Protein backbone atom coordinates (compact mmCIF):
# COMPACT_ATOMS: atom_id res chain seq x y z
CA MET A 1 6.85 34.28 3.58
CA ASN A 2 5.88 31.98 6.56
CA VAL A 3 3.73 28.83 6.54
CA ASN A 4 2.49 27.85 10.02
CA PHE A 5 0.65 24.35 10.47
CA GLU A 6 -1.28 23.95 13.66
CA LYS A 7 -3.13 20.78 14.62
CA ILE A 8 -6.27 21.33 16.66
CA ASP A 9 -7.24 17.96 17.28
CA GLN A 10 -6.76 14.48 15.46
CA VAL A 11 -9.06 15.41 12.47
CA ASN A 12 -8.88 19.33 12.37
CA ALA A 13 -5.99 22.00 11.67
CA THR A 14 -5.35 25.29 10.36
CA LEU A 15 -2.44 26.37 8.11
CA THR A 16 -1.33 30.09 8.19
CA ILE A 17 0.41 31.59 5.40
CA SER A 18 1.86 35.13 5.93
CA PHE A 19 3.56 37.65 3.45
CA VAL A 20 5.56 40.70 3.87
CA GLU A 21 6.37 43.13 1.08
CA GLU A 22 9.72 41.66 0.15
CA ASP A 23 7.99 38.15 -0.71
CA TYR A 24 6.06 39.68 -3.54
CA LYS A 25 6.95 43.17 -4.58
CA ASN A 26 9.32 41.94 -7.31
CA ASP A 27 6.78 39.72 -8.99
CA VAL A 28 4.36 42.47 -8.97
CA LYS A 29 7.04 44.93 -10.64
CA LYS A 30 7.77 42.14 -13.37
CA GLN A 31 3.85 41.77 -13.99
CA LEU A 32 3.30 45.29 -14.22
CA ALA A 33 6.18 45.83 -16.62
CA GLU A 34 5.02 42.92 -18.82
CA LEU A 35 1.27 44.50 -18.83
CA GLY A 36 3.20 47.77 -19.95
CA GLN A 37 4.21 45.81 -23.01
CA ARG A 38 0.80 44.49 -23.65
CA ARG A 39 -1.42 47.14 -22.89
CA PRO A 40 0.44 50.48 -23.38
CA LEU A 41 -1.25 53.33 -21.91
CA LYS A 42 -2.64 56.30 -24.40
CA GLY A 43 0.36 58.50 -25.21
CA PHE A 44 2.76 55.96 -24.44
CA ARG A 45 4.86 53.43 -26.55
CA PRO A 46 5.13 49.77 -25.44
CA GLY A 47 7.54 49.16 -22.68
CA HIS A 48 7.92 53.30 -21.92
CA VAL A 49 4.73 53.73 -19.58
CA PRO A 50 6.34 55.06 -16.25
CA ALA A 51 6.34 52.41 -13.42
CA SER A 52 4.26 54.91 -11.27
CA LEU A 53 1.57 55.11 -13.74
CA LEU A 54 1.28 51.32 -14.16
CA GLU A 55 0.91 51.02 -10.28
CA ARG A 56 -1.69 53.49 -10.03
CA ASN A 57 -3.65 52.22 -12.96
CA PHE A 58 -3.08 48.30 -12.59
CA GLY A 59 -1.34 47.87 -9.25
CA PRO A 60 -4.28 46.36 -6.97
CA GLN A 61 -5.28 44.11 -9.50
CA VAL A 62 -1.76 42.89 -10.12
CA ARG A 63 -0.92 42.56 -6.58
CA SER A 64 -4.15 40.50 -6.09
CA GLU A 65 -3.17 38.21 -8.92
CA VAL A 66 0.15 37.68 -7.79
CA ILE A 67 -0.75 37.20 -3.81
CA ASP A 68 -3.31 34.52 -5.07
CA ARG A 69 -0.86 32.56 -7.04
CA LYS A 70 1.53 32.56 -4.40
CA VAL A 71 -1.08 31.56 -1.78
CA SER A 72 -2.30 28.69 -3.89
CA HIS A 73 1.15 27.45 -4.71
CA ALA A 74 2.45 27.64 -0.98
CA LEU A 75 -0.75 26.05 0.26
CA THR A 76 -0.51 23.33 -2.19
CA GLU A 77 3.36 22.74 -1.73
CA TYR A 78 3.04 22.53 1.98
CA ILE A 79 0.07 19.91 1.81
CA VAL A 80 1.71 17.85 -0.87
CA ASN A 81 5.49 18.02 0.67
CA ASN A 82 4.40 17.21 4.24
CA HIS A 83 1.78 14.51 3.09
CA VAL A 84 -1.37 16.08 5.07
CA PRO A 85 -4.17 13.96 4.61
CA VAL A 86 -6.82 16.52 3.57
CA LEU A 87 -10.44 15.93 3.27
CA GLY A 88 -12.22 18.08 0.88
CA GLU A 89 -10.46 21.10 0.10
CA PRO A 90 -8.95 23.96 2.33
CA MET A 91 -11.28 26.66 3.34
CA LEU A 92 -10.30 30.21 4.13
CA ASP A 93 -11.23 31.08 7.62
CA LYS A 94 -14.18 33.59 7.92
CA ASP A 95 -12.06 35.87 10.00
CA THR A 96 -9.40 36.28 7.59
CA LYS A 97 -9.76 39.95 6.20
CA VAL A 98 -7.42 41.16 3.64
CA ASP A 99 -7.23 44.87 2.45
CA LEU A 100 -4.71 45.11 -0.81
CA ASN A 101 -5.26 48.91 -0.84
CA THR A 102 -4.04 49.92 2.27
CA GLU A 103 -1.90 46.89 3.67
CA LYS A 104 1.45 45.60 2.59
CA GLU A 105 1.61 42.31 5.04
CA PHE A 106 -0.87 39.86 4.60
CA SER A 107 -1.97 36.70 6.60
CA PHE A 108 -4.23 33.87 5.34
CA LYS A 109 -5.72 31.32 7.69
CA PHE A 110 -7.13 28.07 6.32
CA GLU A 111 -9.33 25.46 7.95
CA LEU A 112 -8.32 22.04 7.23
CA GLY A 113 -10.27 18.71 7.69
CA LEU A 114 -7.95 15.62 8.29
CA ALA A 115 -8.46 12.08 7.48
CA PRO A 116 -8.19 10.06 10.65
CA GLU A 117 -5.34 7.77 11.45
CA PHE A 118 -6.25 3.95 11.24
CA ASP A 119 -5.13 0.37 10.65
CA VAL A 120 -6.93 -2.30 8.71
CA THR A 121 -5.67 -5.74 8.11
CA VAL A 122 -6.43 -7.57 4.94
CA ASP A 123 -4.62 -11.03 5.01
CA LYS A 124 -5.84 -14.65 5.55
CA SER A 125 -6.58 -14.09 9.08
CA VAL A 126 -9.75 -12.19 7.89
CA LYS A 127 -12.60 -14.70 6.79
CA VAL A 128 -15.29 -13.44 4.52
CA PRO A 129 -18.43 -15.40 3.14
CA TYR A 130 -18.59 -16.17 -0.34
CA TYR A 131 -22.00 -17.50 -1.90
CA ASN A 132 -21.53 -19.83 -4.87
CA ILE A 133 -25.00 -19.73 -6.44
CA GLU A 134 -26.32 -23.07 -8.12
CA VAL A 135 -27.41 -23.25 -11.67
CA SER A 136 -30.51 -25.29 -11.56
CA GLN A 137 -31.91 -27.26 -14.84
CA GLU A 138 -35.29 -24.73 -14.08
CA MET A 139 -33.09 -21.91 -14.74
CA ILE A 140 -31.30 -23.59 -17.91
CA ASP A 141 -34.72 -24.42 -19.22
CA ARG A 142 -36.17 -21.09 -18.46
CA GLN A 143 -33.14 -19.15 -20.34
CA ASN A 144 -33.42 -21.57 -23.15
CA GLU A 145 -36.90 -20.75 -23.78
CA THR A 146 -36.42 -16.95 -23.43
CA LEU A 147 -33.41 -17.22 -26.24
CA ARG A 148 -35.56 -19.10 -28.44
CA LYS A 149 -38.25 -16.56 -28.47
CA ARG A 150 -35.71 -13.74 -28.85
CA TYR A 151 -34.24 -15.27 -31.65
CA GLY A 152 -37.43 -16.76 -33.04
CA LYS A 153 -39.46 -15.48 -35.92
CA GLN A 154 -43.09 -14.50 -37.26
CA VAL A 155 -45.08 -16.93 -39.21
CA PRO A 156 -48.68 -16.90 -40.53
CA GLY A 157 -51.10 -18.35 -37.79
CA GLU A 158 -54.80 -19.29 -37.74
CA VAL A 159 -55.20 -18.27 -34.16
CA ALA A 160 -54.00 -15.17 -32.16
CA ALA A 161 -51.97 -15.37 -29.03
CA GLU A 162 -51.28 -12.68 -26.79
CA ASP A 163 -47.98 -11.70 -28.44
CA SER A 164 -49.21 -12.42 -31.92
CA MET A 165 -49.59 -9.59 -34.73
CA LEU A 166 -53.13 -9.29 -36.32
CA ARG A 167 -53.35 -7.08 -39.70
CA GLY A 168 -56.98 -6.05 -40.88
CA SER A 169 -59.34 -3.15 -41.79
CA LEU A 170 -60.92 -0.83 -38.95
CA VAL A 171 -64.36 0.55 -39.57
CA GLU A 172 -65.94 3.06 -36.93
CA LEU A 173 -69.56 2.19 -35.62
CA ASP A 174 -72.30 4.09 -34.57
CA ALA A 175 -74.13 3.51 -31.33
CA GLU A 176 -76.25 0.70 -32.91
CA GLY A 177 -73.28 -1.31 -33.95
CA ASN A 178 -73.48 -0.44 -37.44
CA GLU A 179 -70.93 1.23 -39.94
CA LYS A 180 -70.83 5.05 -38.99
CA ALA A 181 -71.64 7.33 -41.92
CA ASP A 182 -68.52 9.40 -42.77
CA GLY A 183 -66.57 7.51 -39.78
CA ILE A 184 -63.18 6.63 -39.68
CA LYS A 185 -61.89 3.72 -41.83
CA ALA A 186 -58.26 2.41 -41.71
CA GLU A 187 -56.83 -0.36 -44.20
CA ARG A 188 -53.75 -2.55 -42.90
CA THR A 189 -53.76 -1.63 -39.76
CA VAL A 190 -51.48 -3.67 -37.36
CA ILE A 191 -52.65 -4.89 -33.72
CA SER A 192 -50.65 -6.69 -30.98
CA PRO A 193 -52.77 -7.45 -28.32
CA GLN A 194 -49.67 -7.52 -25.47
CA TYR A 195 -49.49 -3.84 -26.17
CA LEU A 196 -53.12 -2.89 -25.24
CA LYS A 197 -53.46 -1.22 -21.97
CA ASP A 198 -56.97 -2.61 -21.21
CA GLU A 199 -57.37 -6.49 -20.23
CA GLU A 200 -60.83 -6.61 -21.40
CA GLN A 201 -60.12 -5.22 -24.79
CA LYS A 202 -57.02 -7.39 -25.23
CA ALA A 203 -58.92 -10.51 -24.36
CA LYS A 204 -61.22 -9.74 -27.60
CA PHE A 205 -58.28 -10.30 -29.84
CA VAL A 206 -56.72 -13.33 -27.98
CA GLY A 207 -57.99 -16.42 -29.65
CA ALA A 208 -59.54 -14.63 -32.78
CA LYS A 209 -58.95 -16.52 -36.11
CA VAL A 210 -58.39 -15.19 -39.69
CA GLY A 211 -61.56 -13.94 -41.09
CA ASP A 212 -63.03 -12.99 -37.52
CA VAL A 213 -64.59 -9.47 -36.93
CA VAL A 214 -63.32 -8.25 -33.69
CA VAL A 215 -65.54 -5.23 -32.21
CA PHE A 216 -63.48 -3.04 -29.63
CA ASN A 217 -62.95 0.35 -28.55
CA PRO A 218 -59.54 2.07 -29.35
CA GLY A 219 -59.72 4.75 -26.65
CA LYS A 220 -59.85 2.10 -23.94
CA ALA A 221 -57.41 -0.38 -25.49
CA THR A 222 -54.81 2.50 -25.68
CA GLY A 223 -55.79 4.15 -22.18
CA GLY A 224 -56.90 7.33 -23.91
CA ASN A 225 -53.22 7.99 -25.47
CA GLU A 226 -54.11 9.75 -28.49
CA ASN A 227 -50.57 9.05 -30.25
CA GLU A 228 -51.40 5.64 -30.21
CA MET A 229 -54.76 5.91 -31.10
CA ALA A 230 -53.63 8.21 -34.25
CA ALA A 231 -51.40 5.53 -35.31
CA MET A 232 -53.89 2.67 -34.84
CA LEU A 233 -56.49 4.51 -36.74
CA ASN A 234 -54.02 6.05 -39.27
CA VAL A 235 -55.41 9.73 -38.99
CA ASP A 236 -53.88 12.76 -37.10
CA LYS A 237 -53.52 13.27 -33.88
CA GLU A 238 -56.29 15.90 -33.71
CA GLN A 239 -58.88 13.38 -35.33
CA ALA A 240 -57.88 10.73 -32.84
CA ALA A 241 -60.17 11.82 -29.85
CA VAL A 242 -62.98 9.46 -30.45
CA GLU A 243 -64.93 7.49 -28.14
CA SER A 244 -66.69 5.22 -30.77
CA ASP A 245 -66.26 1.40 -30.84
CA PHE A 246 -64.77 0.10 -34.04
CA SER A 247 -64.84 -3.27 -35.80
CA MET A 248 -61.57 -4.94 -37.14
CA LYS A 249 -61.78 -7.87 -39.84
CA VAL A 250 -58.85 -9.82 -39.16
CA ASP A 251 -57.32 -10.52 -42.53
CA GLU A 252 -53.81 -12.24 -41.52
CA ILE A 253 -52.27 -13.29 -38.19
CA LEU A 254 -48.50 -13.55 -37.50
CA VAL A 255 -47.69 -15.77 -34.47
CA ASN A 256 -44.23 -16.18 -32.96
CA GLN A 257 -42.30 -19.22 -33.63
CA ASP A 258 -39.42 -20.24 -31.46
CA ALA A 259 -36.06 -20.52 -32.97
CA GLU A 260 -34.91 -24.33 -33.80
CA LEU A 261 -32.18 -25.57 -31.96
CA ASN A 262 -29.90 -25.77 -34.87
CA GLN A 263 -26.38 -24.47 -36.12
CA GLU A 264 -27.68 -20.98 -36.82
CA PHE A 265 -29.33 -20.66 -33.30
CA PHE A 266 -26.27 -21.56 -31.48
CA ASP A 267 -24.32 -19.10 -33.26
CA ASN A 268 -26.46 -16.33 -32.74
CA VAL A 269 -26.58 -17.23 -29.13
CA LEU A 270 -22.99 -18.13 -28.50
CA GLY A 271 -21.11 -16.76 -31.39
CA LYS A 272 -19.89 -18.80 -34.54
CA GLY A 273 -18.66 -22.26 -34.13
CA GLN A 274 -19.04 -22.28 -30.32
CA ALA A 275 -21.55 -25.10 -30.34
CA ALA A 276 -22.43 -27.51 -32.80
CA THR A 277 -24.84 -29.95 -31.12
CA GLU A 278 -27.74 -29.24 -28.59
CA GLU A 279 -25.71 -30.88 -25.84
CA GLU A 280 -22.88 -28.40 -26.34
CA TYR A 281 -25.22 -25.64 -26.84
CA LEU A 282 -26.88 -26.39 -23.33
CA SER A 283 -23.53 -26.93 -21.72
CA LYS A 284 -22.41 -23.70 -22.78
CA LEU A 285 -25.61 -21.91 -21.81
CA LYS A 286 -25.07 -23.41 -18.22
CA ASP A 287 -21.72 -21.92 -18.27
CA MET A 288 -23.44 -18.47 -19.35
CA LEU A 289 -25.65 -18.58 -16.52
CA ALA A 290 -22.77 -19.63 -14.21
CA ALA A 291 -20.90 -16.47 -15.20
CA GLN A 292 -23.88 -14.12 -14.65
CA LEU A 293 -24.59 -15.69 -11.38
CA LYS A 294 -20.90 -15.11 -10.45
CA ASN A 295 -21.35 -11.72 -10.89
CA ASP A 296 -24.27 -11.45 -8.42
CA SER A 297 -21.97 -13.76 -6.04
CA ASN A 298 -19.10 -10.90 -6.50
CA TYR A 299 -21.35 -8.20 -5.67
CA ARG A 300 -22.58 -9.77 -2.46
CA PHE A 301 -18.85 -10.42 -1.86
CA THR A 302 -18.20 -6.54 -1.79
CA LEU A 303 -21.18 -6.28 0.58
CA ASP A 304 -19.59 -8.55 3.05
CA VAL A 305 -16.22 -7.28 2.59
CA GLU A 306 -17.52 -3.79 3.72
CA LYS A 307 -19.30 -5.00 6.69
CA VAL A 308 -16.38 -7.16 7.76
CA LEU A 309 -13.61 -4.24 7.48
CA ARG A 310 -16.02 -1.67 8.85
CA ASP A 311 -16.47 -3.96 11.86
CA GLN A 312 -12.76 -4.13 12.31
CA VAL A 313 -11.80 -0.60 11.80
CA GLY A 314 -14.73 0.57 14.22
CA GLU A 315 -16.41 4.06 13.93
CA LEU A 316 -13.93 6.59 12.23
CA GLU A 317 -13.76 9.94 13.71
CA MET A 318 -14.32 12.68 11.04
CA PRO A 319 -14.06 16.56 10.91
CA ASP A 320 -17.73 16.69 10.99
CA GLU A 321 -18.33 20.32 11.07
CA PHE A 322 -15.53 21.09 8.63
CA LEU A 323 -17.09 18.84 6.24
CA LYS A 324 -20.43 20.12 6.69
CA ARG A 325 -19.36 23.56 6.09
CA PHE A 326 -17.37 22.45 2.87
CA LEU A 327 -20.58 20.66 1.53
CA ALA A 328 -22.26 23.81 1.94
CA SER A 329 -19.88 26.02 0.28
CA ARG A 330 -20.04 23.68 -2.75
CA ASN A 331 -23.57 23.87 -3.24
CA GLU A 332 -25.53 27.16 -2.94
CA GLU A 333 -29.11 25.21 -2.82
CA LEU A 334 -27.87 23.38 0.34
CA ASP A 335 -29.28 24.94 3.45
CA ALA A 336 -28.30 24.07 7.06
CA GLU A 337 -31.11 21.55 7.24
CA LYS A 338 -30.28 19.78 4.07
CA VAL A 339 -26.80 19.60 4.92
CA GLU A 340 -27.60 17.92 8.35
CA GLU A 341 -29.84 15.56 6.21
CA GLN A 342 -27.54 14.47 3.84
CA TYR A 343 -24.42 14.28 6.05
CA PRO A 344 -25.01 10.75 7.63
CA THR A 345 -24.97 9.20 4.28
CA THR A 346 -21.89 11.49 2.86
CA LYS A 347 -19.89 10.43 6.05
CA LYS A 348 -20.47 6.86 5.61
CA HIS A 349 -19.65 6.93 1.84
CA LEU A 350 -16.35 9.11 2.74
CA GLN A 351 -15.25 6.42 5.74
CA TRP A 352 -15.70 3.79 3.23
CA GLN A 353 -13.76 5.28 0.75
CA LEU A 354 -10.85 5.90 3.29
CA ILE A 355 -10.99 2.39 4.35
CA LYS A 356 -10.84 0.97 0.58
CA ASP A 357 -7.58 3.56 -0.39
CA LYS A 358 -5.82 2.38 2.66
CA VAL A 359 -6.51 -1.08 1.56
CA ALA A 360 -5.51 -0.33 -2.16
CA LYS A 361 -2.28 0.82 -1.06
CA ALA A 362 -1.62 -2.10 1.16
CA LEU A 363 -2.40 -4.26 -1.73
CA SER A 364 -0.54 -2.12 -4.48
CA VAL A 365 -3.93 -1.95 -6.39
CA LYS A 366 -3.29 0.71 -9.32
CA VAL A 367 -5.63 1.44 -12.38
CA GLU A 368 -3.68 1.30 -15.53
CA VAL A 369 -4.78 2.51 -19.02
CA GLU A 370 -5.32 -1.06 -20.09
CA ASP A 371 -7.65 -1.61 -17.19
CA LYS A 372 -9.96 1.68 -18.20
CA MET A 373 -9.72 0.30 -21.92
CA ARG A 374 -10.88 -3.20 -20.98
CA LEU A 375 -13.99 -2.13 -18.91
CA ALA A 376 -14.75 0.47 -21.78
CA ARG A 377 -14.89 -2.47 -23.99
CA TYR A 378 -17.19 -4.44 -21.81
CA PHE A 379 -19.42 -1.43 -21.38
CA ALA A 380 -19.67 -0.75 -25.21
CA ALA A 381 -20.56 -4.53 -25.64
CA GLN A 382 -23.17 -4.32 -23.29
CA GLN A 383 -24.94 -1.08 -24.70
CA PHE A 384 -24.85 -2.79 -28.03
CA ALA A 385 -26.31 -5.97 -26.75
CA GLN A 386 -29.37 -4.19 -25.08
CA TYR A 387 -30.38 -3.30 -28.72
CA GLY A 388 -29.81 -7.08 -30.08
CA MET A 389 -26.63 -6.30 -31.66
CA SER A 390 -24.11 -9.08 -30.33
CA ASN A 391 -20.91 -10.41 -31.61
CA LEU A 392 -19.86 -7.21 -33.35
CA PRO A 393 -16.25 -6.77 -34.98
CA ASP A 394 -13.63 -5.65 -32.64
CA ASP A 395 -12.92 -2.38 -34.19
CA VAL A 396 -16.60 -1.38 -33.64
CA ILE A 397 -16.37 -2.18 -30.02
CA ASP A 398 -13.08 -0.50 -29.75
CA ASN A 399 -14.36 2.78 -31.46
CA TYR A 400 -17.23 2.99 -29.24
CA ALA A 401 -14.93 2.13 -26.12
CA HIS A 402 -12.61 5.15 -27.06
CA LYS A 403 -15.57 7.44 -27.37
CA LEU A 404 -16.73 6.48 -23.62
CA LEU A 405 -12.89 7.27 -22.49
CA GLU A 406 -13.19 10.72 -24.21
CA ASP A 407 -16.27 11.86 -22.12
CA ALA A 408 -15.04 13.21 -18.91
CA ARG A 409 -18.08 11.73 -16.71
CA SER A 410 -18.09 8.37 -18.46
CA SER A 411 -14.47 7.99 -18.25
CA ASN A 412 -14.65 8.68 -14.38
CA ASP A 413 -17.15 6.36 -13.80
CA ILE A 414 -15.34 3.66 -15.70
CA GLU A 415 -12.16 4.48 -13.64
CA GLU A 416 -13.93 4.18 -10.40
CA ARG A 417 -15.68 0.85 -11.54
CA ALA A 418 -12.25 -0.19 -12.77
CA PHE A 419 -10.69 0.48 -9.29
CA ASP A 420 -13.45 -1.38 -7.42
CA ASP A 421 -13.00 -4.43 -9.50
CA LYS A 422 -9.29 -4.33 -9.15
CA LEU A 423 -9.49 -3.67 -5.18
CA PHE A 424 -12.12 -6.37 -4.82
CA ALA A 425 -10.22 -8.94 -6.86
CA ALA A 426 -7.28 -8.43 -4.62
CA ILE A 427 -9.16 -8.62 -1.60
CA LYS A 428 -10.40 -11.79 -2.61
CA GLN A 429 -7.03 -13.13 -3.29
CA ALA A 430 -5.69 -11.93 0.29
CA VAL A 431 -8.28 -13.11 2.59
CA THR A 432 -9.96 -16.52 3.41
CA LEU A 433 -13.15 -17.10 1.74
CA GLU A 434 -15.96 -18.89 3.47
CA GLU A 435 -17.64 -20.62 0.52
CA LYS A 436 -21.19 -21.71 0.83
CA ALA A 437 -23.30 -23.15 -2.00
CA VAL A 438 -26.80 -21.64 -2.06
CA THR A 439 -29.99 -21.78 -4.26
CA VAL A 440 -31.05 -18.71 -6.14
CA ASP A 441 -33.73 -18.27 -3.35
CA GLU A 442 -31.41 -18.94 -0.61
CA PHE A 443 -29.34 -16.06 -2.16
CA ASN A 444 -31.95 -13.70 -2.66
CA GLN A 445 -33.11 -14.30 0.93
CA LEU A 446 -29.60 -12.69 2.01
CA PHE A 447 -30.55 -9.45 0.84
CA ALA A 448 -34.10 -9.52 2.39
CA GLU A 449 -32.80 -10.17 5.83
CA GLN A 450 -30.65 -7.02 5.72
């Protein structure tokens, strides 16, 4: 067997693998003999099928399998042993033709796309802006108000607000505004004005008092959604397509009462025992907001790092035509026009990935098992928090984190995120940060200016 690597230019090459019969005939004989043991032909005992008969029946198929394995092994071995920086995957040259039935010597020519050679510096000589977002009193007050509403409760009230719940009985009305004979009636219906889709209908409930009668149109209030109308009128969906007005006698109003600033509230928000006084709670709340804003600062840092390093490296030469063919080969739905349309984005992403990989190697960044588990636990806790479930026991978080890592797709996403987190943390330590204090508005303006 002969393997020949030929570099066409800095980012394109070919790899040709050639075989003569001596390279594969013994493997073919061995596999045919094993086949005779496993799948004996009619009239012959296992292991006693003549070699000529095995060759006639299975020779081309076995020869194809043997050569395919040898080609794949030789290709991989050469690339790995010689550290060839391949982009995508090798593609068989379109001019390679092989006839296993008539030929005994074969040659397979592969096209290779190569990663460009470049240098990148990540040390204290490299300066990157880092924006520290200030936590304002307005932000603390707004977050405190949001949390008090979230952990508040509903209590009986006399006047309905937009977020109140009104209970009462519904009666269908005729064109004159009187109770309709054989019309729909619904007892103990619940309506919350904030969920009504029509502002005029919503306004009829806001300000209503216990004992009031509100006349409204369910069709307009629900935007004609028959499922919502059926639930409101307590009827089947088929009966819900009505255009009549209804009256609702308000029997009960439940209003939202903000949570009191007490120990129960502090524990719900921060975790048990984290704050004992309002002063401690507000201080912790400020720290929470600062941590959230730090995530925003770090995200902005990743964008600025990318700009600084791209500017330093310059435009990387890529095997454009090879990569376009590779993209088309991986997705039959991509025609030439779509490949041309998508390639600039793919190229930009690939160039940045090459830069990141080079920096990761220079800074010895590697993702360990504990990195993935730590991030999986974070994602698990975040998902539970979306449903209002916070401060869950560790074993619940751990179990869900393990499930995330068992799923191939989510595990891959977690590994990519863990890599980026460790990489940018390492870059942050390696470069010189040009720190700037900014308000939220000033920070947001940075994105508007891009």
